[in-house]
Amino acid sequence: MQNISDSILRLLGNLDKIPVDSQNIRSRWSRVTQSSSFQISIKHKDELTAKFSDLNWKFAEKYKLKWELGSYSYY
């Protein structure tokens, strides 16, 4: 699971060409919803959709990821 999480973080960071670390991710994504599963959709040259389930909920919670009306949100 950690390898999958790291890969997703690298993809997220590479889209904006910024270093990937927890501080950047936390500042870029809004807080998680109370549901146990959700999606992230990133609009860029190519659309990347990552699906998170109960198995990696702790990862999603740690980085404050949130599915919001088909796009990502900042806070």
N, C-alpha and C. Protein backbone atom coordinates (compact mmCIF):
# COMPACT_ATOMS: atom_id res chain seq x y z
N MET A 1 0.82 -1.20 0.00
CA MET A 1 0.00 0.00 0.00
C MET A 1 0.86 1.26 0.00
N GLN A 2 1.97 1.25 0.72
CA GLN A 2 2.82 2.43 0.78
C GLN A 2 3.38 2.79 -0.60
N ASN A 3 3.75 1.77 -1.39
CA ASN A 3 4.27 2.03 -2.73
C ASN A 3 3.22 2.70 -3.60
N ILE A 4 1.98 2.24 -3.50
CA ILE A 4 0.89 2.84 -4.26
C ILE A 4 0.70 4.28 -3.83
N SER A 5 0.69 4.52 -2.54
CA SER A 5 0.53 5.88 -2.02
C SER A 5 1.64 6.79 -2.50
N ASP A 6 2.88 6.32 -2.44
CA ASP A 6 4.01 7.12 -2.90
C ASP A 6 3.91 7.44 -4.38
N SER A 7 3.47 6.47 -5.18
CA SER A 7 3.32 6.68 -6.61
C SER A 7 2.29 7.74 -6.91
N ILE A 8 1.17 7.69 -6.20
CA ILE A 8 0.12 8.69 -6.41
C ILE A 8 0.63 10.07 -6.02
N LEU A 9 1.35 10.16 -4.93
CA LEU A 9 1.91 11.46 -4.52
C LEU A 9 2.87 12.01 -5.56
N ARG A 10 3.69 11.13 -6.14
CA ARG A 10 4.62 11.58 -7.17
C ARG A 10 3.86 12.11 -8.39
N LEU A 11 2.81 11.39 -8.79
CA LEU A 11 2.01 11.85 -9.92
C LEU A 11 1.38 13.20 -9.64
N LEU A 12 0.83 13.36 -8.45
CA LEU A 12 0.21 14.63 -8.09
C LEU A 12 1.22 15.76 -8.12
N GLY A 13 2.40 15.51 -7.60
CA GLY A 13 3.42 16.54 -7.57
C GLY A 13 3.95 16.87 -8.95
N ASN A 14 4.13 15.85 -9.79
CA ASN A 14 4.68 16.08 -11.12
C ASN A 14 3.76 16.88 -12.01
N LEU A 15 2.47 16.81 -11.77
CA LEU A 15 1.54 17.57 -12.59
C LEU A 15 1.82 19.07 -12.50
N ASP A 16 2.20 19.52 -11.34
CA ASP A 16 2.49 20.94 -11.16
C ASP A 16 3.99 21.22 -11.08
N LYS A 17 4.79 20.17 -11.27
CA LYS A 17 6.25 20.28 -11.23
C LYS A 17 6.74 20.93 -9.94
N ILE A 18 6.18 20.47 -8.83
CA ILE A 18 6.64 20.93 -7.53
C ILE A 18 7.08 19.73 -6.72
N PRO A 19 7.97 19.92 -5.75
CA PRO A 19 8.39 18.80 -4.91
C PRO A 19 7.19 18.22 -4.16
N VAL A 20 7.19 16.91 -4.05
CA VAL A 20 6.09 16.26 -3.34
C VAL A 20 6.49 16.02 -1.89
N ASP A 21 5.77 16.63 -0.99
CA ASP A 21 5.94 16.33 0.42
C ASP A 21 4.61 16.62 1.11
N SER A 22 4.51 16.21 2.34
CA SER A 22 3.21 16.30 3.01
C SER A 22 2.73 17.75 3.15
N GLN A 23 3.64 18.67 3.32
CA GLN A 23 3.23 20.07 3.47
C GLN A 23 2.59 20.60 2.18
N ASN A 24 3.20 20.30 1.04
CA ASN A 24 2.62 20.72 -0.23
C ASN A 24 1.25 20.11 -0.46
N ILE A 25 1.15 18.81 -0.19
CA ILE A 25 -0.13 18.14 -0.41
C ILE A 25 -1.19 18.72 0.51
N ARG A 26 -0.85 18.91 1.77
CA ARG A 26 -1.83 19.46 2.71
C ARG A 26 -2.29 20.85 2.29
N SER A 27 -1.40 21.65 1.75
CA SER A 27 -1.79 23.01 1.37
C SER A 27 -2.57 23.03 0.07
N ARG A 28 -2.50 21.97 -0.71
CA ARG A 28 -3.16 21.95 -2.02
C ARG A 28 -4.54 21.32 -1.99
N TRP A 29 -4.80 20.47 -1.04
CA TRP A 29 -6.06 19.72 -1.05
C TRP A 29 -6.92 20.07 0.16
N SER A 30 -8.23 20.03 -0.04
CA SER A 30 -9.14 20.32 1.06
C SER A 30 -9.30 19.10 1.97
N ARG A 31 -9.95 19.31 3.07
CA ARG A 31 -10.14 18.23 4.04
C ARG A 31 -11.02 17.12 3.49
N VAL A 32 -10.82 15.94 4.03
CA VAL A 32 -11.57 14.79 3.56
C VAL A 32 -13.02 14.84 3.99
N THR A 33 -13.85 14.15 3.26
CA THR A 33 -15.25 14.01 3.66
C THR A 33 -15.33 12.89 4.69
N GLN A 34 -16.49 12.66 5.23
CA GLN A 34 -16.67 11.61 6.23
C GLN A 34 -16.87 10.23 5.60
N SER A 35 -17.01 10.18 4.29
CA SER A 35 -17.22 8.88 3.64
C SER A 35 -15.93 8.07 3.65
N SER A 36 -16.07 6.76 3.50
CA SER A 36 -14.89 5.89 3.55
C SER A 36 -14.26 5.68 2.19
N SER A 37 -14.91 6.18 1.14
CA SER A 37 -14.30 6.07 -0.18
C SER A 37 -14.68 7.28 -1.02
N PHE A 38 -13.78 7.70 -1.87
CA PHE A 38 -14.01 8.87 -2.69
C PHE A 38 -13.01 8.85 -3.84
N GLN A 39 -13.08 9.84 -4.71
CA GLN A 39 -12.19 9.89 -5.86
C GLN A 39 -11.53 11.26 -5.96
N ILE A 40 -10.43 11.28 -6.68
CA ILE A 40 -9.78 12.53 -7.01
C ILE A 40 -9.67 12.57 -8.52
N SER A 41 -10.07 13.66 -9.12
CA SER A 41 -9.95 13.81 -10.55
C SER A 41 -9.13 15.07 -10.82
N ILE A 42 -8.07 14.93 -11.59
CA ILE A 42 -7.19 16.05 -11.85
C ILE A 42 -7.29 16.43 -13.32
N LYS A 43 -7.63 17.66 -13.59
CA LYS A 43 -7.72 18.14 -14.96
C LYS A 43 -6.35 18.72 -15.36
N HIS A 44 -5.75 18.11 -16.36
CA HIS A 44 -4.45 18.57 -16.85
C HIS A 44 -4.40 18.17 -18.31
N LYS A 45 -3.22 18.02 -18.89
CA LYS A 45 -3.14 17.57 -20.28
C LYS A 45 -3.88 16.25 -20.45
N ASP A 46 -3.62 15.36 -19.54
CA ASP A 46 -4.37 14.11 -19.48
C ASP A 46 -5.07 14.07 -18.14
N GLU A 47 -6.23 13.48 -18.12
CA GLU A 47 -6.96 13.41 -16.86
C GLU A 47 -6.51 12.20 -16.06
N LEU A 48 -6.19 12.43 -14.81
CA LEU A 48 -5.78 11.35 -13.91
C LEU A 48 -6.86 11.18 -12.85
N THR A 49 -7.37 10.00 -12.74
CA THR A 49 -8.36 9.73 -11.71
C THR A 49 -7.82 8.67 -10.78
N ALA A 50 -7.75 8.98 -9.51
CA ALA A 50 -7.28 8.02 -8.52
C ALA A 50 -8.43 7.67 -7.59
N LYS A 51 -8.63 6.40 -7.39
CA LYS A 51 -9.71 5.95 -6.52
C LYS A 51 -9.14 5.47 -5.19
N PHE A 52 -9.71 5.97 -4.13
CA PHE A 52 -9.28 5.57 -2.80
C PHE A 52 -10.39 4.78 -2.11
N SER A 53 -10.00 3.74 -1.42
CA SER A 53 -10.98 2.90 -0.73
C SER A 53 -10.61 2.78 0.75
N ASP A 54 -11.34 1.95 1.47
CA ASP A 54 -11.07 1.76 2.89
C ASP A 54 -9.62 1.32 3.15
N LEU A 55 -9.03 0.58 2.23
CA LEU A 55 -7.69 0.04 2.45
C LEU A 55 -6.64 1.13 2.58
N ASN A 56 -6.81 2.23 1.88
CA ASN A 56 -5.83 3.30 2.01
C ASN A 56 -6.46 4.59 2.51
N TRP A 57 -7.49 4.43 3.31
CA TRP A 57 -8.17 5.59 3.90
C TRP A 57 -7.23 6.41 4.77
N LYS A 58 -6.34 5.76 5.51
CA LYS A 58 -5.41 6.49 6.37
C LYS A 58 -4.49 7.39 5.55
N PHE A 59 -4.07 6.90 4.39
CA PHE A 59 -3.25 7.72 3.49
C PHE A 59 -4.02 8.94 3.03
N ALA A 60 -5.26 8.74 2.61
CA ALA A 60 -6.09 9.84 2.12
C ALA A 60 -6.34 10.86 3.22
N GLU A 61 -6.61 10.37 4.41
CA GLU A 61 -6.87 11.26 5.54
C GLU A 61 -5.62 12.06 5.89
N LYS A 62 -4.47 11.42 5.82
CA LYS A 62 -3.22 12.10 6.16
C LYS A 62 -2.96 13.29 5.25
N TYR A 63 -3.27 13.14 3.97
CA TYR A 63 -2.98 14.20 3.02
C TYR A 63 -4.18 15.07 2.69
N LYS A 64 -5.28 14.90 3.43
CA LYS A 64 -6.45 15.76 3.32
C LYS A 64 -7.00 15.83 1.90
N LEU A 65 -7.12 14.67 1.27
CA LEU A 65 -7.65 14.63 -0.08
C LEU A 65 -9.17 14.64 -0.07
N LYS A 66 -9.76 15.26 -1.03
CA LYS A 66 -11.21 15.32 -1.08
C LYS A 66 -11.71 15.33 -2.52
N TRP A 67 -12.74 14.54 -2.77
CA TRP A 67 -13.45 14.54 -4.04
C TRP A 67 -14.50 15.62 -3.95
N GLU A 68 -14.49 16.59 -4.85
CA GLU A 68 -15.42 17.70 -4.75
C GLU A 68 -15.92 18.09 -6.14
N LEU A 69 -17.13 17.67 -6.47
CA LEU A 69 -17.78 18.03 -7.72
C LEU A 69 -16.91 17.78 -8.95
N GLY A 70 -16.25 16.64 -8.96
CA GLY A 70 -15.48 16.24 -10.14
C GLY A 70 -14.15 16.94 -10.31
N SER A 71 -13.71 17.67 -9.31
CA SER A 71 -12.43 18.34 -9.44
C SER A 71 -11.73 18.40 -8.08
N TYR A 72 -10.54 18.95 -8.05
CA TYR A 72 -9.85 19.07 -6.79
C TYR A 72 -10.04 20.48 -6.25
N SER A 73 -9.87 20.63 -4.97
CA SER A 73 -10.06 21.95 -4.36
C SER A 73 -8.88 22.29 -3.46
N TYR A 74 -8.66 23.56 -3.25
CA TYR A 74 -7.58 24.07 -2.41
C TYR A 74 -8.14 24.68 -1.14
N TYR A 75 -7.30 24.82 -0.13
CA TYR A 75 -7.70 25.57 1.06
C TYR A 75 -6.49 26.28 1.64
